[in-house]
Amino acid sequence: MPYSALEILRLKPITKTLGALRRDRSGVGAVEFAIVAPLLVMAYLGAFELSVGFTVAGKTARAASATADVVAQQTEVNKAFLANVPNIAKSILAPYGNANYTLKISGIAVTNTNEGTILWSRDQAGGTPYAVNTKVSLPAQFTATNSFVIRTELTVPHELLLYAPNLQATAKTIDLSKTAYFHARLSQPIKCSDC
């Protein structure tokens, strides 16, 4: 259906305005920024959270290893000595240390290939996490019988910030844990005089 001359004159300003809007590119940068900026911020914060998590995981591994190493250098231990050992883990975990960490230190006599018997154990609160004479499995490298190893088990709860689909931040906690084994250096076995 053809338009009359009057209708064409009325539509001309509208089509002229629509054509001008179609050619106008002055707001494209602002629209692109509004779309991309939140994604970049989330990627940056996610990378930051991952780097902190890897740092805490590395410190957890070093703390478990250093704790086992210090105990493995003793000829004999007691409750007072073992009560101070968690300070090693605290100093290594700083400033990311969490007061709710758990640390278990056990003296294990290797009795068979990859098998041992707990002679003593203590945790960070002064408790006994494993009963004496409990049989435990050891990693594959412990094939020599009649040896003694120190096992430390360190678990550190790490709070991280996750971004939910609705973009509200919610706190979540993951447990970072490490178990370290060290052979006794000076004495076989390392006895605990009052455990």
C-alpha atoms as a PDB file:
ATOM      1  CA  MET A   1       0.000   0.000   0.000  1.00  0.00           C
ATOM      2  CA  PRO A   2       1.593   3.223  -1.187  1.00  0.00           C
ATOM      3  CA  TYR A   3       2.012   6.141   1.199  1.00  0.00           C
ATOM      4  CA  SER A   4       0.538   9.498   0.410  1.00  0.00           C
ATOM      5  CA  ALA A   5       2.737  12.561   0.181  1.00  0.00           C
ATOM      6  CA  LEU A   6       1.379  13.844   3.491  1.00  0.00           C
ATOM      7  CA  GLU A   7       2.206  10.576   5.282  1.00  0.00           C
ATOM      8  CA  ILE A   8       5.696  10.601   3.828  1.00  0.00           C
ATOM      9  CA  LEU A   9       6.238  14.142   5.132  1.00  0.00           C
ATOM     10  CA  ARG A  10       5.085  13.073   8.603  1.00  0.00           C
ATOM     11  CA  LEU A  11       7.374   9.990   8.646  1.00  0.00           C
ATOM     12  CA  LYS A  12      10.437  11.816   7.334  1.00  0.00           C
ATOM     13  CA  PRO A  13      11.492  13.309  10.738  1.00  0.00           C
ATOM     14  CA  ILE A  14      11.005   9.927  12.444  1.00  0.00           C
ATOM     15  CA  THR A  15      13.104   8.052   9.885  1.00  0.00           C
ATOM     16  CA  LYS A  16      15.693  10.805   9.982  1.00  0.00           C
ATOM     17  CA  THR A  17      15.928  10.484  13.791  1.00  0.00           C
ATOM     18  CA  LEU A  18      16.093   6.667  13.640  1.00  0.00           C
ATOM     19  CA  GLY A  19      18.826   6.840  11.011  1.00  0.00           C
ATOM     20  CA  ALA A  20      20.804   9.286  13.142  1.00  0.00           C
ATOM     21  CA  LEU A  21      20.484   6.979  16.165  1.00  0.00           C
ATOM     22  CA  ARG A  22      21.602   4.031  14.092  1.00  0.00           C
ATOM     23  CA  ARG A  23      24.745   5.866  12.952  1.00  0.00           C
ATOM     24  CA  ASP A  24      25.548   7.326  16.404  1.00  0.00           C
ATOM     25  CA  ARG A  25      28.314   5.298  18.157  1.00  0.00           C
ATOM     26  CA  SER A  26      29.104   7.644  21.053  1.00  0.00           C
ATOM     27  CA  GLY A  27      27.700   5.373  23.850  1.00  0.00           C
ATOM     28  CA  VAL A  28      29.157   2.058  22.698  1.00  0.00           C
ATOM     29  CA  GLY A  29      32.213   2.315  24.968  1.00  0.00           C
ATOM     30  CA  ALA A  30      30.072   2.923  28.044  1.00  0.00           C
ATOM     31  CA  VAL A  31      27.846  -0.051  27.261  1.00  0.00           C
ATOM     32  CA  GLU A  32      30.826  -2.331  26.657  1.00  0.00           C
ATOM     33  CA  PHE A  33      32.441  -1.156  29.890  1.00  0.00           C
ATOM     34  CA  ALA A  34      29.217  -1.821  31.828  1.00  0.00           C
ATOM     35  CA  ILE A  35      29.179  -5.385  30.492  1.00  0.00           C
ATOM     36  CA  VAL A  36      32.886  -6.199  30.865  1.00  0.00           C
ATOM     37  CA  ALA A  37      33.809  -4.389  34.131  1.00  0.00           C
ATOM     38  CA  PRO A  38      31.944  -6.732  36.539  1.00  0.00           C
ATOM     39  CA  LEU A  39      33.502  -9.768  34.851  1.00  0.00           C
ATOM     40  CA  LEU A  40      36.992  -8.285  35.152  1.00  0.00           C
ATOM     41  CA  VAL A  41      36.451  -7.413  38.818  1.00  0.00           C
ATOM     42  CA  MET A  42      35.254 -10.962  39.562  1.00  0.00           C
ATOM     43  CA  ALA A  43      38.239 -12.439  37.683  1.00  0.00           C
ATOM     44  CA  TYR A  44      40.638 -10.214  39.621  1.00  0.00           C
ATOM     45  CA  LEU A  45      39.116 -11.087  43.000  1.00  0.00           C
ATOM     46  CA  GLY A  46      39.022 -14.781  42.082  1.00  0.00           C
ATOM     47  CA  ALA A  47      42.714 -14.719  41.144  1.00  0.00           C
ATOM     48  CA  PHE A  48      43.523 -12.936  44.396  1.00  0.00           C
ATOM     49  CA  GLU A  49      41.561 -15.525  46.398  1.00  0.00           C
ATOM     50  CA  LEU A  50      43.350 -18.371  44.598  1.00  0.00           C
ATOM     51  CA  SER A  51      46.767 -16.865  45.287  1.00  0.00           C
ATOM     52  CA  VAL A  52      45.968 -16.494  49.000  1.00  0.00           C
ATOM     53  CA  GLY A  53      44.666 -20.071  49.086  1.00  0.00           C
ATOM     54  CA  PHE A  54      47.852 -21.418  47.492  1.00  0.00           C
ATOM     55  CA  THR A  55      49.925 -19.392  49.957  1.00  0.00           C
ATOM     56  CA  VAL A  56      48.049 -20.818  52.943  1.00  0.00           C
ATOM     57  CA  ALA A  57      48.300 -24.351  51.517  1.00  0.00           C
ATOM     58  CA  GLY A  58      52.071 -23.921  51.122  1.00  0.00           C
ATOM     59  CA  LYS A  59      52.398 -22.580  54.662  1.00  0.00           C
ATOM     60  CA  THR A  60      50.327 -25.519  55.939  1.00  0.00           C
ATOM     61  CA  ALA A  61      52.695 -27.976  54.252  1.00  0.00           C
ATOM     62  CA  ARG A  62      55.775 -26.173  55.632  1.00  0.00           C
ATOM     63  CA  ALA A  63      54.298 -26.002  59.141  1.00  0.00           C
ATOM     64  CA  ALA A  64      53.485 -29.731  59.197  1.00  0.00           C
ATOM     65  CA  SER A  65      56.941 -30.582  57.873  1.00  0.00           C
ATOM     66  CA  ALA A  66      58.821 -28.273  60.251  1.00  0.00           C
ATOM     67  CA  THR A  67      56.876 -29.549  63.243  1.00  0.00           C
ATOM     68  CA  ALA A  68      57.676 -33.167  62.411  1.00  0.00           C
ATOM     69  CA  ASP A  69      61.302 -32.241  61.736  1.00  0.00           C
ATOM     70  CA  VAL A  70      61.771 -30.563  65.136  1.00  0.00           C
ATOM     71  CA  VAL A  71      60.257 -33.507  67.022  1.00  0.00           C
ATOM     72  CA  ALA A  72      62.289 -36.015  64.967  1.00  0.00           C
ATOM     73  CA  GLN A  73      65.511 -34.345  66.188  1.00  0.00           C
ATOM     74  CA  GLN A  74      64.759 -35.098  69.863  1.00  0.00           C
ATOM     75  CA  THR A  75      65.983 -38.092  71.847  1.00  0.00           C
ATOM     76  CA  GLU A  76      63.033 -37.961  74.230  1.00  0.00           C
ATOM     77  CA  VAL A  77      59.901 -35.819  74.545  1.00  0.00           C
ATOM     78  CA  ASN A  78      57.329 -35.114  77.230  1.00  0.00           C
ATOM     79  CA  LYS A  79      53.926 -33.420  77.509  1.00  0.00           C
ATOM     80  CA  ALA A  80      55.456 -30.015  78.219  1.00  0.00           C
ATOM     81  CA  PHE A  81      57.643 -30.159  75.101  1.00  0.00           C
ATOM     82  CA  LEU A  82      54.764 -31.381  72.924  1.00  0.00           C
ATOM     83  CA  ALA A  83      52.507 -28.612  74.320  1.00  0.00           C
ATOM     84  CA  ASN A  84      54.927 -26.011  72.907  1.00  0.00           C
ATOM     85  CA  VAL A  85      55.351 -27.628  69.485  1.00  0.00           C
ATOM     86  CA  PRO A  86      52.131 -26.066  68.080  1.00  0.00           C
ATOM     87  CA  ASN A  87      53.856 -22.676  68.415  1.00  0.00           C
ATOM     88  CA  ILE A  88      56.062 -23.733  65.492  1.00  0.00           C
ATOM     89  CA  ALA A  89      52.988 -24.165  63.306  1.00  0.00           C
ATOM     90  CA  LYS A  90      51.506 -20.866  64.526  1.00  0.00           C
ATOM     91  CA  SER A  91      54.638 -18.919  63.645  1.00  0.00           C
ATOM     92  CA  ILE A  92      54.855 -20.438  60.156  1.00  0.00           C
ATOM     93  CA  LEU A  93      51.145 -19.918  59.440  1.00  0.00           C
ATOM     94  CA  ALA A  94      51.277 -16.226  60.433  1.00  0.00           C
ATOM     95  CA  PRO A  95      49.608 -13.988  59.327  1.00  0.00           C
ATOM     96  CA  TYR A  96      47.154 -16.514  57.889  1.00  0.00           C
ATOM     97  CA  GLY A  97      46.965 -18.596  61.059  1.00  0.00           C
ATOM     98  CA  ASN A  98      43.586 -19.692  62.246  1.00  0.00           C
ATOM     99  CA  ALA A  99      42.930 -20.427  65.911  1.00  0.00           C
ATOM    100  CA  ASN A 100      40.767 -23.406  64.935  1.00  0.00           C
ATOM    101  CA  TYR A 101      43.565 -25.460  63.366  1.00  0.00           C
ATOM    102  CA  THR A 102      44.171 -29.061  64.452  1.00  0.00           C
ATOM    103  CA  LEU A 103      47.622 -30.569  64.880  1.00  0.00           C
ATOM    104  CA  LYS A 104      48.232 -34.214  65.758  1.00  0.00           C
ATOM    105  CA  ILE A 105      51.743 -35.427  66.519  1.00  0.00           C
ATOM    106  CA  SER A 106      52.340 -39.172  66.746  1.00  0.00           C
ATOM    107  CA  GLY A 107      55.360 -41.350  67.433  1.00  0.00           C
ATOM    108  CA  ILE A 108      55.090 -44.490  65.315  1.00  0.00           C
ATOM    109  CA  ALA A 109      57.266 -47.595  65.500  1.00  0.00           C
ATOM    110  CA  VAL A 110      57.505 -49.177  62.040  1.00  0.00           C
ATOM    111  CA  THR A 111      56.825 -52.857  62.643  1.00  0.00           C
ATOM    112  CA  ASN A 112      56.283 -54.181  59.139  1.00  0.00           C
ATOM    113  CA  THR A 113      56.392 -52.973  55.540  1.00  0.00           C
ATOM    114  CA  ASN A 114      54.102 -49.923  55.374  1.00  0.00           C
ATOM    115  CA  GLU A 115      52.679 -50.696  58.816  1.00  0.00           C
ATOM    116  CA  GLY A 116      53.348 -49.218  62.216  1.00  0.00           C
ATOM    117  CA  THR A 117      52.202 -49.052  65.831  1.00  0.00           C
ATOM    118  CA  ILE A 118      51.510 -45.791  67.633  1.00  0.00           C
ATOM    119  CA  LEU A 119      53.634 -45.471  70.772  1.00  0.00           C
ATOM    120  CA  TRP A 120      52.368 -42.004  71.759  1.00  0.00           C
ATOM    121  CA  SER A 121      50.315 -39.162  70.298  1.00  0.00           C
ATOM    122  CA  ARG A 122      49.285 -35.643  71.275  1.00  0.00           C
ATOM    123  CA  ASP A 123      47.182 -32.908  69.703  1.00  0.00           C
ATOM    124  CA  GLN A 124      47.256 -29.117  69.912  1.00  0.00           C
ATOM    125  CA  ALA A 125      44.862 -29.136  72.884  1.00  0.00           C
ATOM    126  CA  GLY A 126      46.910 -31.623  74.922  1.00  0.00           C
ATOM    127  CA  GLY A 127      44.645 -34.572  74.159  1.00  0.00           C
ATOM    128  CA  THR A 128      45.486 -38.053  72.919  1.00  0.00           C
ATOM    129  CA  PRO A 129      44.037 -38.420  69.410  1.00  0.00           C
ATOM    130  CA  TYR A 130      45.187 -42.039  68.940  1.00  0.00           C
ATOM    131  CA  ALA A 131      45.334 -44.813  71.488  1.00  0.00           C
ATOM    132  CA  VAL A 132      48.684 -46.434  72.270  1.00  0.00           C
ATOM    133  CA  ASN A 133      49.368 -49.649  70.301  1.00  0.00           C
ATOM    134  CA  THR A 134      46.947 -48.687  67.520  1.00  0.00           C
ATOM    135  CA  LYS A 135      48.017 -50.170  64.168  1.00  0.00           C
ATOM    136  CA  VAL A 136      48.368 -47.614  61.343  1.00  0.00           C
ATOM    137  CA  SER A 137      49.207 -47.751  57.654  1.00  0.00           C
ATOM    138  CA  LEU A 138      52.239 -45.866  56.428  1.00  0.00           C
ATOM    139  CA  PRO A 139      53.117 -44.562  52.951  1.00  0.00           C
ATOM    140  CA  ALA A 140      55.032 -46.762  50.529  1.00  0.00           C
ATOM    141  CA  GLN A 141      58.472 -45.315  51.372  1.00  0.00           C
ATOM    142  CA  PHE A 142      58.423 -46.857  54.867  1.00  0.00           C
ATOM    143  CA  THR A 143      59.595 -50.360  54.070  1.00  0.00           C
ATOM    144  CA  ALA A 144      62.382 -50.595  56.669  1.00  0.00           C
ATOM    145  CA  THR A 145      61.196 -52.408  59.766  1.00  0.00           C
ATOM    146  CA  ASN A 146      62.428 -51.631  63.277  1.00  0.00           C
ATOM    147  CA  SER A 147      62.534 -47.891  62.639  1.00  0.00           C
ATOM    148  CA  PHE A 148      60.679 -44.972  64.198  1.00  0.00           C
ATOM    149  CA  VAL A 149      58.862 -42.110  62.492  1.00  0.00           C
ATOM    150  CA  ILE A 150      57.161 -38.928  63.617  1.00  0.00           C
ATOM    151  CA  ARG A 151      53.871 -38.178  61.895  1.00  0.00           C
ATOM    152  CA  THR A 152      52.230 -34.752  62.060  1.00  0.00           C
ATOM    153  CA  GLU A 153      48.752 -34.101  60.720  1.00  0.00           C
ATOM    154  CA  LEU A 154      47.904 -30.416  60.344  1.00  0.00           C
ATOM    155  CA  THR A 155      44.502 -29.145  59.224  1.00  0.00           C
ATOM    156  CA  VAL A 156      43.922 -25.417  58.804  1.00  0.00           C
ATOM    157  CA  PRO A 157      40.432 -24.096  58.037  1.00  0.00           C
ATOM    158  CA  HIS A 158      40.716 -21.373  55.410  1.00  0.00           C
ATOM    159  CA  GLU A 159      37.904 -18.901  54.871  1.00  0.00           C
ATOM    160  CA  LEU A 160      37.466 -17.709  51.333  1.00  0.00           C
ATOM    161  CA  LEU A 161      35.097 -15.364  49.585  1.00  0.00           C
ATOM    162  CA  LEU A 162      33.024 -16.965  46.866  1.00  0.00           C
ATOM    163  CA  TYR A 163      30.797 -14.987  44.566  1.00  0.00           C
ATOM    164  CA  ALA A 164      27.377 -16.532  44.206  1.00  0.00           C
ATOM    165  CA  PRO A 165      25.399 -16.303  40.962  1.00  0.00           C
ATOM    166  CA  ASN A 166      23.352 -13.474  42.462  1.00  0.00           C
ATOM    167  CA  LEU A 167      26.657 -11.592  43.131  1.00  0.00           C
ATOM    168  CA  GLN A 168      26.253 -11.638  46.893  1.00  0.00           C
ATOM    169  CA  ALA A 169      29.412 -12.553  48.771  1.00  0.00           C
ATOM    170  CA  THR A 170      29.121 -15.573  51.049  1.00  0.00           C
ATOM    171  CA  ALA A 171      31.829 -16.838  53.376  1.00  0.00           C
ATOM    172  CA  LYS A 172      32.873 -20.455  52.890  1.00  0.00           C
ATOM    173  CA  THR A 173      35.517 -22.481  54.685  1.00  0.00           C
ATOM    174  CA  ILE A 174      37.710 -25.183  53.221  1.00  0.00           C
ATOM    175  CA  ASP A 175      40.122 -27.350  55.185  1.00  0.00           C
ATOM    176  CA  LEU A 176      43.708 -27.335  53.989  1.00  0.00           C
ATOM    177  CA  SER A 177      45.559 -30.316  55.417  1.00  0.00           C
ATOM    178  CA  LYS A 178      48.976 -31.881  55.226  1.00  0.00           C
ATOM    179  CA  THR A 179      50.490 -34.992  56.786  1.00  0.00           C
ATOM    180  CA  ALA A 180      54.270 -35.111  57.183  1.00  0.00           C
ATOM    181  CA  TYR A 181      56.507 -38.043  58.127  1.00  0.00           C
ATOM    182  CA  PHE A 182      60.091 -37.809  59.414  1.00  0.00           C
ATOM    183  CA  HIS A 183      62.413 -40.582  60.550  1.00  0.00           C
ATOM    184  CA  ALA A 184      63.821 -40.216  64.070  1.00  0.00           C
ATOM    185  CA  ARG A 185      67.329 -38.766  63.836  1.00  0.00           C
ATOM    186  CA  LEU A 186      69.045 -39.350  67.162  1.00  0.00           C
ATOM    187  CA  SER A 187      67.115 -42.021  68.993  1.00  0.00           C
ATOM    188  CA  GLN A 188      65.164 -45.158  68.035  1.00  0.00           C
ATOM    189  CA  PRO A 189      62.459 -44.833  69.298  1.00  0.00           C
ATOM    190  CA  ILE A 190      61.800 -41.308  70.581  1.00  0.00           C
ATOM    191  CA  LYS A 191      60.142 -41.995  73.908  1.00  0.00           C
ATOM    192  CA  CYS A 192      57.574 -39.787  75.572  1.00  0.00           C
ATOM    193  CA  SER A 193      58.268 -39.929  79.293  1.00  0.00           C
ATOM    194  CA  ASP A 194      54.803 -38.938  80.549  1.00  0.00           C
ATOM    195  CA  CYS A 195      52.408 -39.444  77.618  1.00  0.00           C
END
